[in-house]
Amino acid sequence: QVQLVESGGGLVQPGGSLRLSCAASGFTFSSHPMSWYRQAPGKERELVASISSGGGIINYGDSVKGRFTISRDNAKNTLYLQMNSLKPEDTAVYYCYARRINFWGQGTQVTVSS
């Protein structure tokens, strides 16, 4: 069955960094564009970043441009999100998403606080 399992979230101070991972299984990961979304309490889920199946096309939400980097390793069936210069407003649950099969991971909590 399809699985997307996020990991790497946690508590970090403002200005710090975290690297999220999303391990995929049950589908041909290398053929699918993938995305990271986030949802803060009381807010709608928003797109953080997306990447094409081969990694050549990448897009970022305006709020994370220049600070976050999305990447993928198709040999390991894994999606990544490197988050630098974190701000308190980055606090949210982060989800990976496979759009073509409309499948979401369970999410990982990121909290940015001093």
C-alpha atoms as a PDB file:
ATOM      1  CA  GLN A   1       0.000   0.000   0.000  1.00  0.00           C
ATOM      2  CA  VAL A   2       1.034   3.609  -0.502  1.00  0.00           C
ATOM      3  CA  GLN A   3       2.928   5.189   2.378  1.00  0.00           C
ATOM      4  CA  LEU A   4       4.513   8.596   2.924  1.00  0.00           C
ATOM      5  CA  VAL A   5       6.309   8.827   6.247  1.00  0.00           C
ATOM      6  CA  GLU A   6       7.704  12.196   7.325  1.00  0.00           C
ATOM      7  CA  SER A   7      10.432  12.596   9.912  1.00  0.00           C
ATOM      8  CA  GLY A   8      12.884  15.197  11.171  1.00  0.00           C
ATOM      9  CA  GLY A   9      10.552  17.663  12.829  1.00  0.00           C
ATOM     10  CA  GLY A  10      11.107  19.063  16.290  1.00  0.00           C
ATOM     11  CA  LEU A  11      11.733  22.146  18.387  1.00  0.00           C
ATOM     12  CA  VAL A  12      14.335  24.608  17.132  1.00  0.00           C
ATOM     13  CA  GLN A  13      15.318  28.145  18.074  1.00  0.00           C
ATOM     14  CA  PRO A  14      14.764  31.057  15.685  1.00  0.00           C
ATOM     15  CA  GLY A  15      17.565  31.182  13.149  1.00  0.00           C
ATOM     16  CA  GLY A  16      18.158  27.456  13.407  1.00  0.00           C
ATOM     17  CA  SER A  17      17.872  24.685  10.837  1.00  0.00           C
ATOM     18  CA  LEU A  18      16.034  21.414  10.379  1.00  0.00           C
ATOM     19  CA  ARG A  19      15.982  18.798   7.637  1.00  0.00           C
ATOM     20  CA  LEU A  20      12.718  16.979   6.987  1.00  0.00           C
ATOM     21  CA  SER A  21      12.554  13.654   5.192  1.00  0.00           C
ATOM     22  CA  CYS A  22       9.630  11.847   3.575  1.00  0.00           C
ATOM     23  CA  ALA A  23      10.109   8.144   2.876  1.00  0.00           C
ATOM     24  CA  ALA A  24       7.837   6.901   0.097  1.00  0.00           C
ATOM     25  CA  SER A  25       6.713   3.370  -0.680  1.00  0.00           C
ATOM     26  CA  GLY A  26       3.958   1.538  -2.535  1.00  0.00           C
ATOM     27  CA  PHE A  27       4.213   3.555  -5.751  1.00  0.00           C
ATOM     28  CA  THR A  28       6.813   4.481  -8.363  1.00  0.00           C
ATOM     29  CA  PHE A  29       8.285   7.456  -6.525  1.00  0.00           C
ATOM     30  CA  SER A  30      10.645   8.450  -9.337  1.00  0.00           C
ATOM     31  CA  SER A  31       7.701   9.044 -11.683  1.00  0.00           C
ATOM     32  CA  HIS A  32       5.839  11.430  -9.425  1.00  0.00           C
ATOM     33  CA  PRO A  33       6.187  15.129  -8.745  1.00  0.00           C
ATOM     34  CA  MET A  34       6.165  15.739  -4.996  1.00  0.00           C
ATOM     35  CA  SER A  35       5.394  18.622  -2.685  1.00  0.00           C
ATOM     36  CA  TRP A  36       5.772  19.834   0.876  1.00  0.00           C
ATOM     37  CA  TYR A  37       2.836  21.617   2.488  1.00  0.00           C
ATOM     38  CA  ARG A  38       2.400  23.024   5.959  1.00  0.00           C
ATOM     39  CA  GLN A  39      -0.517  23.929   8.192  1.00  0.00           C
ATOM     40  CA  ALA A  40      -0.316  26.198  11.193  1.00  0.00           C
ATOM     41  CA  PRO A  41      -3.045  26.237  13.873  1.00  0.00           C
ATOM     42  CA  GLY A  42      -6.095  28.117  12.661  1.00  0.00           C
ATOM     43  CA  LYS A  43      -4.686  28.545   9.157  1.00  0.00           C
ATOM     44  CA  GLU A  44      -5.235  26.862   5.822  1.00  0.00           C
ATOM     45  CA  ARG A  45      -2.741  24.336   4.498  1.00  0.00           C
ATOM     46  CA  GLU A  46      -0.234  26.111   2.238  1.00  0.00           C
ATOM     47  CA  LEU A  47       2.261  24.990  -0.369  1.00  0.00           C
ATOM     48  CA  VAL A  48       5.860  25.217   0.816  1.00  0.00           C
ATOM     49  CA  ALA A  49       7.704  23.741  -2.158  1.00  0.00           C
ATOM     50  CA  SER A  50       7.270  21.368  -5.071  1.00  0.00           C
ATOM     51  CA  ILE A  51       9.662  19.363  -7.207  1.00  0.00           C
ATOM     52  CA  SER A  52       9.233  17.531 -10.499  1.00  0.00           C
ATOM     53  CA  SER A  53       9.780  13.807 -10.820  1.00  0.00           C
ATOM     54  CA  GLY A  54      13.348  14.213 -12.033  1.00  0.00           C
ATOM     55  CA  GLY A  55      14.125  17.162  -9.780  1.00  0.00           C
ATOM     56  CA  GLY A  56      14.689  19.649 -12.577  1.00  0.00           C
ATOM     57  CA  ILE A  57      11.687  21.885 -11.872  1.00  0.00           C
ATOM     58  CA  ILE A  58      11.329  23.382  -8.407  1.00  0.00           C
ATOM     59  CA  ASN A  59       8.961  25.968  -6.999  1.00  0.00           C
ATOM     60  CA  TYR A  60       8.739  27.625  -3.593  1.00  0.00           C
ATOM     61  CA  GLY A  61       6.138  29.521  -1.689  1.00  0.00           C
ATOM     62  CA  ASP A  62       6.989  33.206  -1.320  1.00  0.00           C
ATOM     63  CA  SER A  63       7.378  32.947   2.449  1.00  0.00           C
ATOM     64  CA  VAL A  64      10.204  30.380   2.261  1.00  0.00           C
ATOM     65  CA  LYS A  65      12.147  31.450  -0.841  1.00  0.00           C
ATOM     66  CA  GLY A  66      15.845  31.748  -0.123  1.00  0.00           C
ATOM     67  CA  ARG A  67      15.567  29.856   3.172  1.00  0.00           C
ATOM     68  CA  PHE A  68      14.203  26.403   2.302  1.00  0.00           C
ATOM     69  CA  THR A  69      15.487  23.874  -0.230  1.00  0.00           C
ATOM     70  CA  ILE A  70      13.488  20.933  -1.571  1.00  0.00           C
ATOM     71  CA  SER A  71      15.304  17.929  -3.014  1.00  0.00           C
ATOM     72  CA  ARG A  72      14.767  14.257  -3.696  1.00  0.00           C
ATOM     73  CA  ASP A  73      16.752  11.047  -3.971  1.00  0.00           C
ATOM     74  CA  ASN A  74      14.890   8.759  -6.338  1.00  0.00           C
ATOM     75  CA  ALA A  75      17.277   5.881  -5.600  1.00  0.00           C
ATOM     76  CA  LYS A  76      16.213   6.059  -1.939  1.00  0.00           C
ATOM     77  CA  ASN A  77      12.549   6.928  -2.608  1.00  0.00           C
ATOM     78  CA  THR A  78      12.937   9.919  -0.322  1.00  0.00           C
ATOM     79  CA  LEU A  79      11.903  13.569  -0.460  1.00  0.00           C
ATOM     80  CA  TYR A  80      13.727  16.201   1.611  1.00  0.00           C
ATOM     81  CA  LEU A  81      13.168  19.717   2.857  1.00  0.00           C
ATOM     82  CA  GLN A  82      16.169  21.624   4.201  1.00  0.00           C
ATOM     83  CA  MET A  83      14.937  24.526   6.313  1.00  0.00           C
ATOM     84  CA  ASN A  84      17.378  27.264   7.293  1.00  0.00           C
ATOM     85  CA  SER A  85      16.973  30.607   9.053  1.00  0.00           C
ATOM     86  CA  LEU A  86      13.804  29.358  10.680  1.00  0.00           C
ATOM     87  CA  LYS A  87      11.313  31.873  12.050  1.00  0.00           C
ATOM     88  CA  PRO A  88       8.521  31.480  14.608  1.00  0.00           C
ATOM     89  CA  GLU A  89       6.011  31.850  11.776  1.00  0.00           C
ATOM     90  CA  ASP A  90       7.390  28.649  10.228  1.00  0.00           C
ATOM     91  CA  THR A  91       5.808  26.740  13.111  1.00  0.00           C
ATOM     92  CA  ALA A  92       3.380  24.245  11.593  1.00  0.00           C
ATOM     93  CA  VAL A  93       2.753  20.616  10.805  1.00  0.00           C
ATOM     94  CA  TYR A  94       4.643  19.779   7.614  1.00  0.00           C
ATOM     95  CA  TYR A  95       3.231  17.248   5.165  1.00  0.00           C
ATOM     96  CA  CYS A  96       4.577  15.615   2.045  1.00  0.00           C
ATOM     97  CA  TYR A  97       2.107  15.137  -0.786  1.00  0.00           C
ATOM     98  CA  ALA A  98       1.966  13.042  -3.944  1.00  0.00           C
ATOM     99  CA  ARG A  99      -0.393  15.041  -6.150  1.00  0.00           C
ATOM    100  CA  ARG A 100      -1.006  12.520  -8.921  1.00  0.00           C
ATOM    101  CA  ILE A 101      -2.339   9.953  -6.479  1.00  0.00           C
ATOM    102  CA  ASN A 102      -3.722  12.552  -4.043  1.00  0.00           C
ATOM    103  CA  PHE A 103      -1.932  11.004  -1.086  1.00  0.00           C
ATOM    104  CA  TRP A 104      -0.725  12.792   2.053  1.00  0.00           C
ATOM    105  CA  GLY A 105       1.748  11.779   4.705  1.00  0.00           C
ATOM    106  CA  GLN A 106       0.774  11.919   8.384  1.00  0.00           C
ATOM    107  CA  GLY A 107       2.788  15.086   9.006  1.00  0.00           C
ATOM    108  CA  THR A 108       5.647  16.106  11.275  1.00  0.00           C
ATOM    109  CA  GLN A 109       5.515  18.981  13.752  1.00  0.00           C
ATOM    110  CA  VAL A 110       8.016  21.833  13.442  1.00  0.00           C
ATOM    111  CA  THR A 111       8.097  24.353  16.273  1.00  0.00           C
ATOM    112  CA  VAL A 112      10.323  27.422  16.116  1.00  0.00           C
ATOM    113  CA  SER A 113      10.582  29.073  19.494  1.00  0.00           C
ATOM    114  CA  SER A 114      13.117  30.413  21.948  1.00  0.00           C
END
